[in-house]
């Protein structure tokens, strides 16, 4: 089963950063589509749904930021 890590877009530096939120999903998820596009109307994995409460660190600015827009969340394939 594929294992993914979620990345969140940071508007201060205009890059997507790994969030530390990881999950397994039985189906392939495109790394080129946002979470909103990938799950279009389907229930999000619980790990992703809970992300709207979290803050993430931008490694470029050192600032914490929150990303609640699933159109600005993406996945990357995690390799063991």
C-alpha atoms as a PDB file:
ATOM      1  CA  UNK A   1       0.000   0.000   0.000  1.00  0.00           C
ATOM      2  CA  UNK A   2       1.450   3.427  -0.945  1.00  0.00           C
ATOM      3  CA  UNK A   3       2.683   5.639   1.898  1.00  0.00           C
ATOM      4  CA  UNK A   4       2.413   9.420   1.545  1.00  0.00           C
ATOM      5  CA  UNK A   5       3.618  12.521   3.353  1.00  0.00           C
ATOM      6  CA  UNK A   6       1.590  15.730   3.129  1.00  0.00           C
ATOM      7  CA  UNK A   7       3.216  18.987   2.041  1.00  0.00           C
ATOM      8  CA  UNK A   8       1.652  22.388   2.702  1.00  0.00           C
ATOM      9  CA  UNK A   9       2.104  25.497   0.596  1.00  0.00           C
ATOM     10  CA  UNK A  10       3.650  28.454   2.443  1.00  0.00           C
ATOM     11  CA  UNK A  11       2.585  31.818   1.073  1.00  0.00           C
ATOM     12  CA  UNK A  12       5.575  33.657   2.613  1.00  0.00           C
ATOM     13  CA  UNK A  13       8.222  31.775   0.619  1.00  0.00           C
ATOM     14  CA  UNK A  14       5.945  30.339  -2.118  1.00  0.00           C
ATOM     15  CA  UNK A  15       7.085  26.721  -1.593  1.00  0.00           C
ATOM     16  CA  UNK A  16       5.414  23.580  -0.275  1.00  0.00           C
ATOM     17  CA  UNK A  17       7.056  22.094   2.826  1.00  0.00           C
ATOM     18  CA  UNK A  18       6.759  18.618   4.362  1.00  0.00           C
ATOM     19  CA  UNK A  19       4.410  18.711   7.339  1.00  0.00           C
ATOM     20  CA  UNK A  20       5.265  15.483   9.111  1.00  0.00           C
ATOM     21  CA  UNK A  21       1.721  14.238   8.487  1.00  0.00           C
ATOM     22  CA  UNK A  22       1.934  10.786   6.917  1.00  0.00           C
ATOM     23  CA  UNK A  23      -0.658   8.220   5.891  1.00  0.00           C
ATOM     24  CA  UNK A  24      -1.185   5.033   3.900  1.00  0.00           C
ATOM     25  CA  UNK A  25      -3.780   4.967   1.149  1.00  0.00           C
ATOM     26  CA  UNK A  26      -4.830   1.945  -0.918  1.00  0.00           C
ATOM     27  CA  UNK A  27      -5.155   3.905  -4.173  1.00  0.00           C
ATOM     28  CA  UNK A  28      -2.577   5.924  -6.064  1.00  0.00           C
ATOM     29  CA  UNK A  29      -2.688   9.668  -5.327  1.00  0.00           C
ATOM     30  CA  UNK A  30      -1.152  12.000  -7.898  1.00  0.00           C
ATOM     31  CA  UNK A  31       1.652  14.180  -6.570  1.00  0.00           C
ATOM     32  CA  UNK A  32       0.726  16.822  -9.146  1.00  0.00           C
ATOM     33  CA  UNK A  33      -2.805  17.389  -7.849  1.00  0.00           C
ATOM     34  CA  UNK A  34      -3.843  19.078  -4.641  1.00  0.00           C
ATOM     35  CA  UNK A  35      -5.526  17.079  -1.889  1.00  0.00           C
ATOM     36  CA  UNK A  36      -8.807  18.795  -2.816  1.00  0.00           C
ATOM     37  CA  UNK A  37      -8.496  17.637  -6.433  1.00  0.00           C
ATOM     38  CA  UNK A  38      -7.359  14.140  -5.494  1.00  0.00           C
ATOM     39  CA  UNK A  39     -10.210  13.474  -3.074  1.00  0.00           C
ATOM     40  CA  UNK A  40     -12.836  15.526  -4.952  1.00  0.00           C
ATOM     41  CA  UNK A  41     -15.875  15.095  -2.706  1.00  0.00           C
ATOM     42  CA  UNK A  42     -14.586  11.935  -1.029  1.00  0.00           C
ATOM     43  CA  UNK A  43     -13.746  11.734   2.657  1.00  0.00           C
ATOM     44  CA  UNK A  44     -10.195  12.774   3.462  1.00  0.00           C
ATOM     45  CA  UNK A  45      -7.925  10.454   5.407  1.00  0.00           C
ATOM     46  CA  UNK A  46      -8.325  11.319   9.126  1.00  0.00           C
ATOM     47  CA  UNK A  47      -4.681  12.427   9.343  1.00  0.00           C
ATOM     48  CA  UNK A  48      -5.298  15.006   6.613  1.00  0.00           C
ATOM     49  CA  UNK A  49      -8.674  16.133   7.949  1.00  0.00           C
ATOM     50  CA  UNK A  50      -7.083  16.975  11.319  1.00  0.00           C
ATOM     51  CA  UNK A  51      -4.387  19.146   9.709  1.00  0.00           C
ATOM     52  CA  UNK A  52      -6.471  22.330   9.757  1.00  0.00           C
ATOM     53  CA  UNK A  53      -5.683  22.611  13.487  1.00  0.00           C
ATOM     54  CA  UNK A  54      -1.897  22.343  13.055  1.00  0.00           C
ATOM     55  CA  UNK A  55       0.823  24.933  12.499  1.00  0.00           C
ATOM     56  CA  UNK A  56       3.887  24.145  10.402  1.00  0.00           C
ATOM     57  CA  UNK A  57       7.396  25.581  10.292  1.00  0.00           C
ATOM     58  CA  UNK A  58       8.710  27.285   7.183  1.00  0.00           C
ATOM     59  CA  UNK A  59      12.405  26.344   7.031  1.00  0.00           C
ATOM     60  CA  UNK A  60      13.203  29.423   4.922  1.00  0.00           C
ATOM     61  CA  UNK A  61      11.615  32.148   7.067  1.00  0.00           C
ATOM     62  CA  UNK A  62      11.577  30.364  10.436  1.00  0.00           C
ATOM     63  CA  UNK A  63       7.922  31.348  10.843  1.00  0.00           C
ATOM     64  CA  UNK A  64       5.054  29.080  11.815  1.00  0.00           C
ATOM     65  CA  UNK A  65       2.110  28.996   9.422  1.00  0.00           C
ATOM     66  CA  UNK A  66      -1.276  27.318   9.187  1.00  0.00           C
ATOM     67  CA  UNK A  67      -2.701  25.840   5.993  1.00  0.00           C
ATOM     68  CA  UNK A  68      -6.449  25.186   6.076  1.00  0.00           C
ATOM     69  CA  UNK A  69      -7.055  25.241   2.308  1.00  0.00           C
ATOM     70  CA  UNK A  70      -6.897  21.689   0.936  1.00  0.00           C
ATOM     71  CA  UNK A  71      -6.249  23.201  -2.512  1.00  0.00           C
ATOM     72  CA  UNK A  72      -2.817  24.138  -1.125  1.00  0.00           C
ATOM     73  CA  UNK A  73      -2.033  20.723   0.357  1.00  0.00           C
ATOM     74  CA  UNK A  74      -0.221  18.104  -1.710  1.00  0.00           C
ATOM     75  CA  UNK A  75       1.214  14.648  -1.202  1.00  0.00           C
ATOM     76  CA  UNK A  76       4.654  13.248  -1.851  1.00  0.00           C
ATOM     77  CA  UNK A  77       5.378   9.556  -2.030  1.00  0.00           C
ATOM     78  CA  UNK A  78       7.378   8.405   0.960  1.00  0.00           C
ATOM     79  CA  UNK A  79      10.010   5.772   0.341  1.00  0.00           C
ATOM     80  CA  UNK A  80      11.238   3.525   3.130  1.00  0.00           C
END
